[in-house]
Amino acid sequence: MTKEEEKFLKAFGKHLQAIREGKKIRKGERISLRILEQLSDVDYSQIHRIEKGQTAPSLLTLKALADALGISLSELVTFEE
């Protein structure tokens, strides 16, 4: 993986984490990785690796995460590097 690809994945991971942490459930509780795992049916460790910029998610994984977060796929993948 190139440095540019690593930088991109880290930026995307931070974006995903910010969206997840900005979403509230039950009296202001943030969506944790465990809750997102349950809502999306994406494994906890995979979500963690995505947020840390350690892996590139598939399109189906991105769709599952966007649906679980209640946002569009385009909103999930639109971010500043």
N, C-alpha and C. Protein backbone atom coordinates (compact mmCIF):
# COMPACT_ATOMS: atom_id res chain seq x y z
N MET A 1 0.84 -1.17 0.00
CA MET A 1 0.00 0.00 0.00
C MET A 1 0.89 1.25 0.00
N THR A 2 0.52 2.20 -0.82
CA THR A 2 1.30 3.42 -0.90
C THR A 2 0.97 4.36 0.27
N LYS A 3 1.84 5.32 0.49
CA LYS A 3 1.61 6.32 1.55
C LYS A 3 0.32 7.09 1.30
N GLU A 4 0.05 7.39 0.03
CA GLU A 4 -1.17 8.13 -0.32
C GLU A 4 -2.41 7.30 0.00
N GLU A 5 -2.36 6.01 -0.29
CA GLU A 5 -3.49 5.13 0.03
C GLU A 5 -3.68 5.03 1.55
N GLU A 6 -2.59 4.92 2.28
CA GLU A 6 -2.67 4.87 3.74
C GLU A 6 -3.30 6.14 4.30
N LYS A 7 -2.89 7.28 3.76
CA LYS A 7 -3.43 8.57 4.19
C LYS A 7 -4.93 8.63 3.90
N PHE A 8 -5.33 8.17 2.74
CA PHE A 8 -6.74 8.17 2.36
C PHE A 8 -7.56 7.29 3.30
N LEU A 9 -7.09 6.08 3.57
CA LEU A 9 -7.82 5.17 4.45
C LEU A 9 -7.93 5.71 5.87
N LYS A 10 -6.88 6.35 6.36
CA LYS A 10 -6.93 6.95 7.70
C LYS A 10 -7.95 8.09 7.74
N ALA A 11 -7.97 8.91 6.69
CA ALA A 11 -8.93 10.01 6.63
C ALA A 11 -10.36 9.48 6.57
N PHE A 12 -10.57 8.43 5.78
CA PHE A 12 -11.91 7.85 5.72
C PHE A 12 -12.30 7.26 7.08
N GLY A 13 -11.38 6.58 7.71
CA GLY A 13 -11.65 6.00 9.02
C GLY A 13 -12.05 7.04 10.05
N LYS A 14 -11.36 8.17 10.05
CA LYS A 14 -11.70 9.26 10.97
C LYS A 14 -13.09 9.81 10.65
N HIS A 15 -13.40 9.89 9.37
CA HIS A 15 -14.72 10.37 8.94
C HIS A 15 -15.81 9.42 9.43
N LEU A 16 -15.62 8.12 9.24
CA LEU A 16 -16.59 7.13 9.70
C LEU A 16 -16.76 7.22 11.22
N GLN A 17 -15.67 7.32 11.93
CA GLN A 17 -15.72 7.41 13.39
C GLN A 17 -16.49 8.66 13.84
N ALA A 18 -16.24 9.77 13.18
CA ALA A 18 -16.92 11.02 13.52
C ALA A 18 -18.43 10.90 13.29
N ILE A 19 -18.81 10.27 12.19
CA ILE A 19 -20.24 10.07 11.93
C ILE A 19 -20.84 9.17 13.01
N ARG A 20 -20.17 8.07 13.29
CA ARG A 20 -20.68 7.12 14.30
C ARG A 20 -20.82 7.80 15.65
N GLU A 21 -19.81 8.53 16.06
CA GLU A 21 -19.84 9.18 17.37
C GLU A 21 -20.85 10.34 17.42
N GLY A 22 -21.18 10.88 16.26
CA GLY A 22 -22.16 11.97 16.20
C GLY A 22 -23.60 11.49 16.25
N LYS A 23 -23.81 10.21 16.01
CA LYS A 23 -25.15 9.64 16.04
C LYS A 23 -25.50 9.27 17.48
N LYS A 24 -26.70 9.60 17.86
CA LYS A 24 -27.15 9.32 19.23
C LYS A 24 -28.30 8.32 19.21
N ILE A 25 -28.34 7.49 20.24
CA ILE A 25 -29.45 6.58 20.46
C ILE A 25 -29.82 6.63 21.93
N ARG A 26 -30.98 6.27 22.26
CA ARG A 26 -31.41 6.16 23.66
C ARG A 26 -30.84 7.24 24.58
N LYS A 27 -31.53 8.32 24.69
CA LYS A 27 -31.17 9.39 25.64
C LYS A 27 -29.75 9.91 25.46
N GLY A 28 -29.35 10.13 24.22
CA GLY A 28 -28.06 10.74 23.97
C GLY A 28 -26.87 9.82 23.95
N GLU A 29 -27.08 8.52 24.12
CA GLU A 29 -25.96 7.57 24.08
C GLU A 29 -25.43 7.47 22.65
N ARG A 30 -24.10 7.55 22.53
CA ARG A 30 -23.48 7.43 21.21
C ARG A 30 -23.53 5.99 20.71
N ILE A 31 -23.47 5.84 19.41
CA ILE A 31 -23.41 4.50 18.83
C ILE A 31 -22.00 3.97 19.00
N SER A 32 -21.85 2.94 19.78
CA SER A 32 -20.54 2.31 20.00
C SER A 32 -20.22 1.38 18.84
N LEU A 33 -18.99 0.90 18.81
CA LEU A 33 -18.62 -0.08 17.79
C LEU A 33 -19.49 -1.33 17.91
N ARG A 34 -19.78 -1.76 19.13
CA ARG A 34 -20.61 -2.95 19.35
C ARG A 34 -22.02 -2.74 18.83
N ILE A 35 -22.57 -1.58 19.08
CA ILE A 35 -23.92 -1.30 18.58
C ILE A 35 -23.92 -1.23 17.06
N LEU A 36 -22.91 -0.59 16.47
CA LEU A 36 -22.82 -0.53 15.02
C LEU A 36 -22.66 -1.92 14.43
N GLU A 37 -21.92 -2.78 15.11
CA GLU A 37 -21.77 -4.16 14.67
C GLU A 37 -23.15 -4.83 14.60
N GLN A 38 -23.95 -4.64 15.62
CA GLN A 38 -25.28 -5.26 15.66
C GLN A 38 -26.20 -4.68 14.59
N LEU A 39 -26.15 -3.37 14.40
CA LEU A 39 -27.02 -2.72 13.44
C LEU A 39 -26.65 -3.03 11.99
N SER A 40 -25.37 -3.20 11.74
CA SER A 40 -24.89 -3.37 10.37
C SER A 40 -24.59 -4.80 9.97
N ASP A 41 -24.43 -5.68 10.96
CA ASP A 41 -24.00 -7.06 10.73
C ASP A 41 -22.59 -7.10 10.12
N VAL A 42 -21.79 -6.09 10.46
CA VAL A 42 -20.37 -6.05 10.09
C VAL A 42 -19.59 -6.31 11.38
N ASP A 43 -18.63 -7.20 11.32
CA ASP A 43 -17.88 -7.61 12.49
C ASP A 43 -17.20 -6.43 13.18
N TYR A 44 -17.25 -6.43 14.51
CA TYR A 44 -16.64 -5.39 15.34
C TYR A 44 -15.19 -5.13 14.94
N SER A 45 -14.41 -6.19 14.80
CA SER A 45 -12.98 -6.01 14.49
C SER A 45 -12.78 -5.39 13.11
N GLN A 46 -13.68 -5.69 12.17
CA GLN A 46 -13.57 -5.08 10.85
C GLN A 46 -13.89 -3.59 10.92
N ILE A 47 -14.93 -3.23 11.66
CA ILE A 47 -15.26 -1.81 11.81
C ILE A 47 -14.09 -1.08 12.48
N HIS A 48 -13.52 -1.70 13.50
CA HIS A 48 -12.37 -1.10 14.20
C HIS A 48 -11.20 -0.88 13.22
N ARG A 49 -10.89 -1.86 12.41
CA ARG A 49 -9.79 -1.73 11.44
C ARG A 49 -10.09 -0.65 10.40
N ILE A 50 -11.35 -0.54 9.98
CA ILE A 50 -11.73 0.51 9.03
C ILE A 50 -11.52 1.88 9.66
N GLU A 51 -12.00 2.05 10.89
CA GLU A 51 -11.85 3.35 11.57
C GLU A 51 -10.40 3.70 11.83
N LYS A 52 -9.54 2.73 11.98
CA LYS A 52 -8.11 2.98 12.19
C LYS A 52 -7.35 3.13 10.87
N GLY A 53 -8.04 2.96 9.75
CA GLY A 53 -7.40 3.10 8.45
C GLY A 53 -6.51 1.93 8.09
N GLN A 54 -6.79 0.77 8.65
CA GLN A 54 -5.95 -0.41 8.44
C GLN A 54 -6.46 -1.32 7.33
N THR A 55 -7.68 -1.09 6.86
CA THR A 55 -8.24 -1.94 5.81
C THR A 55 -9.20 -1.13 4.96
N ALA A 56 -9.35 -1.55 3.72
CA ALA A 56 -10.27 -0.90 2.79
C ALA A 56 -11.56 -1.72 2.74
N PRO A 57 -12.68 -1.13 3.13
CA PRO A 57 -13.94 -1.87 3.13
C PRO A 57 -14.48 -2.09 1.72
N SER A 58 -15.24 -3.16 1.57
CA SER A 58 -15.90 -3.43 0.29
C SER A 58 -17.10 -2.50 0.14
N LEU A 59 -17.63 -2.43 -1.05
CA LEU A 59 -18.81 -1.61 -1.31
C LEU A 59 -20.00 -2.10 -0.49
N LEU A 60 -20.15 -3.41 -0.37
CA LEU A 60 -21.26 -3.97 0.42
C LEU A 60 -21.11 -3.63 1.90
N THR A 61 -19.89 -3.62 2.40
CA THR A 61 -19.65 -3.23 3.79
C THR A 61 -19.99 -1.75 3.99
N LEU A 62 -19.58 -0.91 3.05
CA LEU A 62 -19.91 0.51 3.13
C LEU A 62 -21.42 0.72 3.13
N LYS A 63 -22.12 0.00 2.29
CA LYS A 63 -23.59 0.10 2.22
C LYS A 63 -24.21 -0.32 3.54
N ALA A 64 -23.74 -1.41 4.12
CA ALA A 64 -24.28 -1.89 5.40
C ALA A 64 -24.04 -0.86 6.51
N LEU A 65 -22.86 -0.26 6.53
CA LEU A 65 -22.55 0.74 7.55
C LEU A 65 -23.41 1.99 7.36
N ALA A 66 -23.54 2.45 6.13
CA ALA A 66 -24.36 3.64 5.85
C ALA A 66 -25.81 3.38 6.27
N ASP A 67 -26.35 2.24 5.91
CA ASP A 67 -27.73 1.92 6.28
C ASP A 67 -27.89 1.89 7.79
N ALA A 68 -26.94 1.27 8.49
CA ALA A 68 -27.01 1.17 9.94
C ALA A 68 -26.93 2.54 10.61
N LEU A 69 -26.19 3.46 10.00
CA LEU A 69 -26.04 4.80 10.55
C LEU A 69 -27.16 5.74 10.11
N GLY A 70 -28.02 5.26 9.21
CA GLY A 70 -29.14 6.08 8.75
C GLY A 70 -28.74 7.20 7.83
N ILE A 71 -27.67 6.95 7.05
CA ILE A 71 -27.20 7.96 6.09
C ILE A 71 -27.08 7.31 4.72
N SER A 72 -26.94 8.16 3.70
CA SER A 72 -26.76 7.63 2.35
C SER A 72 -25.32 7.18 2.15
N LEU A 73 -25.14 6.31 1.20
CA LEU A 73 -23.79 5.85 0.87
C LEU A 73 -22.93 7.03 0.41
N SER A 74 -23.52 7.94 -0.35
CA SER A 74 -22.75 9.11 -0.82
C SER A 74 -22.31 9.99 0.35
N GLU A 75 -23.15 10.11 1.39
CA GLU A 75 -22.75 10.89 2.56
C GLU A 75 -21.59 10.22 3.30
N LEU A 76 -21.62 8.89 3.33
CA LEU A 76 -20.55 8.16 4.01
C LEU A 76 -19.20 8.33 3.29
N VAL A 77 -19.23 8.36 1.97
CA VAL A 77 -17.95 8.39 1.24
C VAL A 77 -17.53 9.79 0.80
N THR A 78 -18.27 10.81 1.21
CA THR A 78 -17.91 12.18 0.88
C THR A 78 -17.25 12.82 2.11
N PHE A 79 -15.96 13.12 1.97
CA PHE A 79 -15.21 13.68 3.10
C PHE A 79 -13.97 14.38 2.59
N GLU A 80 -13.39 15.21 3.46
CA GLU A 80 -12.15 15.91 3.15
C GLU A 80 -10.97 15.04 3.58
N GLU A 81 -9.97 14.98 2.75
CA GLU A 81 -8.77 14.20 3.12
C GLU A 81 -7.85 15.00 4.00
